[in-house]
Amino acid sequence: MGTDHVFRLNRTHVEAFSGVSEDLFQHLTEGRVQQYRSEVYARRDTWPRDNWDAKWGGPVSVHPDGSV
C-alpha cells in the first residue's frame, strides 16, 4: 500500500513511492495500532538495508516504522 509521487527536481523527472506492507496497513485501517507497532518492531531486522534495488534499478529507503 502506498503513494506515488511524480515531480521535477532541477528539471529532472523524478518518481518516488512510499508505502507500507499491506498486512501492516490493514492493522492501521482497523485501528490496531499496538499490533502494528509490535509487528513493525519484530520485522525491523528483516528489512533490506541496501539503498539501491538492482531488480528495478532504483533507490530504496526503508524507515524504522516499516514504511518504504
C-alpha atoms as a PDB file:
ATOM      1  CA  MET A   1       0.000   0.000   0.000  1.00  0.00           C
ATOM      2  CA  GLY A   2       1.382   3.448  -0.695  1.00  0.00           C
ATOM      3  CA  THR A   3       1.503   6.672  -2.607  1.00  0.00           C
ATOM      4  CA  ASP A   4       3.231   7.527  -5.865  1.00  0.00           C
ATOM      5  CA  HIS A   5       4.779  10.948  -6.390  1.00  0.00           C
ATOM      6  CA  VAL A   6       5.970  12.307  -9.709  1.00  0.00           C
ATOM      7  CA  PHE A   7       7.722  15.670  -9.870  1.00  0.00           C
ATOM      8  CA  ARG A   8      10.665  17.547 -11.352  1.00  0.00           C
ATOM      9  CA  LEU A   9      13.815  18.308  -9.382  1.00  0.00           C
ATOM     10  CA  ASN A  10      16.208  20.700 -11.120  1.00  0.00           C
ATOM     11  CA  ARG A  11      14.490  19.882 -14.450  1.00  0.00           C
ATOM     12  CA  THR A  12      14.947  16.128 -13.839  1.00  0.00           C
ATOM     13  CA  HIS A  13      11.863  13.887 -13.875  1.00  0.00           C
ATOM     14  CA  VAL A  14      11.643  12.078 -10.517  1.00  0.00           C
ATOM     15  CA  GLU A  15       9.273   9.303  -9.491  1.00  0.00           C
ATOM     16  CA  ALA A  16       9.024   8.339  -5.836  1.00  0.00           C
ATOM     17  CA  PHE A  17       6.965   5.766  -3.994  1.00  0.00           C
ATOM     18  CA  SER A  18       6.301   5.488  -0.300  1.00  0.00           C
ATOM     19  CA  GLY A  19       4.473   2.594   1.208  1.00  0.00           C
ATOM     20  CA  VAL A  20       3.955   0.033   3.920  1.00  0.00           C
ATOM     21  CA  SER A  21       3.203  -3.673   3.583  1.00  0.00           C
ATOM     22  CA  GLU A  22      -0.469  -4.416   3.082  1.00  0.00           C
ATOM     23  CA  ASP A  23      -0.876  -6.533   6.212  1.00  0.00           C
ATOM     24  CA  LEU A  24       0.665  -3.822   8.396  1.00  0.00           C
ATOM     25  CA  PHE A  25      -1.508  -1.195   6.724  1.00  0.00           C
ATOM     26  CA  GLN A  26      -4.578  -3.318   7.497  1.00  0.00           C
ATOM     27  CA  HIS A  27      -3.772  -3.132  11.217  1.00  0.00           C
ATOM     28  CA  LEU A  28      -3.800   0.659  10.973  1.00  0.00           C
ATOM     29  CA  THR A  29      -7.034   0.884   8.981  1.00  0.00           C
ATOM     30  CA  GLU A  30      -8.742  -1.329  11.569  1.00  0.00           C
ATOM     31  CA  GLY A  31      -7.390   0.690  14.499  1.00  0.00           C
ATOM     32  CA  ARG A  32      -4.963  -1.972  15.757  1.00  0.00           C
ATOM     33  CA  VAL A  33      -2.120   0.461  16.376  1.00  0.00           C
ATOM     34  CA  GLN A  34      -0.427  -1.623  19.065  1.00  0.00           C
ATOM     35  CA  GLN A  35      -0.488  -4.709  16.811  1.00  0.00           C
ATOM     36  CA  TYR A  36       1.059  -2.590  14.016  1.00  0.00           C
ATOM     37  CA  ARG A  37       3.805  -1.363  16.359  1.00  0.00           C
ATOM     38  CA  SER A  38       4.547  -4.853  17.649  1.00  0.00           C
ATOM     39  CA  GLU A  39       4.841  -6.350  14.171  1.00  0.00           C
ATOM     40  CA  VAL A  40       6.962  -3.475  12.847  1.00  0.00           C
ATOM     41  CA  TYR A  41       9.328  -3.909  15.771  1.00  0.00           C
ATOM     42  CA  ALA A  42       9.510  -7.677  15.242  1.00  0.00           C
ATOM     43  CA  ARG A  43      10.213  -7.323  11.496  1.00  0.00           C
ATOM     44  CA  ARG A  44      12.676  -4.446  11.503  1.00  0.00           C
ATOM     45  CA  ASP A  45      15.769  -6.658  11.368  1.00  0.00           C
ATOM     46  CA  THR A  46      14.452  -8.465   8.270  1.00  0.00           C
ATOM     47  CA  TRP A  47      14.106  -5.367   6.062  1.00  0.00           C
ATOM     48  CA  PRO A  48      16.650  -4.704   3.338  1.00  0.00           C
ATOM     49  CA  ARG A  49      19.450  -2.353   4.266  1.00  0.00           C
ATOM     50  CA  ASP A  50      20.612  -1.507   0.749  1.00  0.00           C
ATOM     51  CA  ASN A  51      19.864   1.903  -0.637  1.00  0.00           C
ATOM     52  CA  TRP A  52      19.694   0.621  -4.240  1.00  0.00           C
ATOM     53  CA  ASP A  53      17.478  -2.126  -5.627  1.00  0.00           C
ATOM     54  CA  ALA A  54      19.140  -3.955  -8.514  1.00  0.00           C
ATOM     55  CA  LYS A  55      15.878  -5.674  -9.573  1.00  0.00           C
ATOM     56  CA  TRP A  56      14.220  -2.463 -10.646  1.00  0.00           C
ATOM     57  CA  GLY A  57      17.286  -0.252 -10.830  1.00  0.00           C
ATOM     58  CA  GLY A  58      16.361   2.427  -8.347  1.00  0.00           C
ATOM     59  CA  PRO A  59      16.962   3.847  -4.895  1.00  0.00           C
ATOM     60  CA  VAL A  60      15.283   2.367  -1.819  1.00  0.00           C
ATOM     61  CA  SER A  61      14.753   3.721   1.678  1.00  0.00           C
ATOM     62  CA  VAL A  62      13.308   1.597   4.481  1.00  0.00           C
ATOM     63  CA  HIS A  63      12.417   3.530   7.628  1.00  0.00           C
ATOM     64  CA  PRO A  64      12.314   2.170  11.212  1.00  0.00           C
ATOM     65  CA  ASP A  65       8.493   2.324  11.187  1.00  0.00           C
ATOM     66  CA  GLY A  66       8.315  -0.090   8.243  1.00  0.00           C
ATOM     67  CA  SER A  67       7.500   2.469   5.573  1.00  0.00           C
ATOM     68  CA  VAL A  68       9.394   2.235   2.312  1.00  0.00           C
END
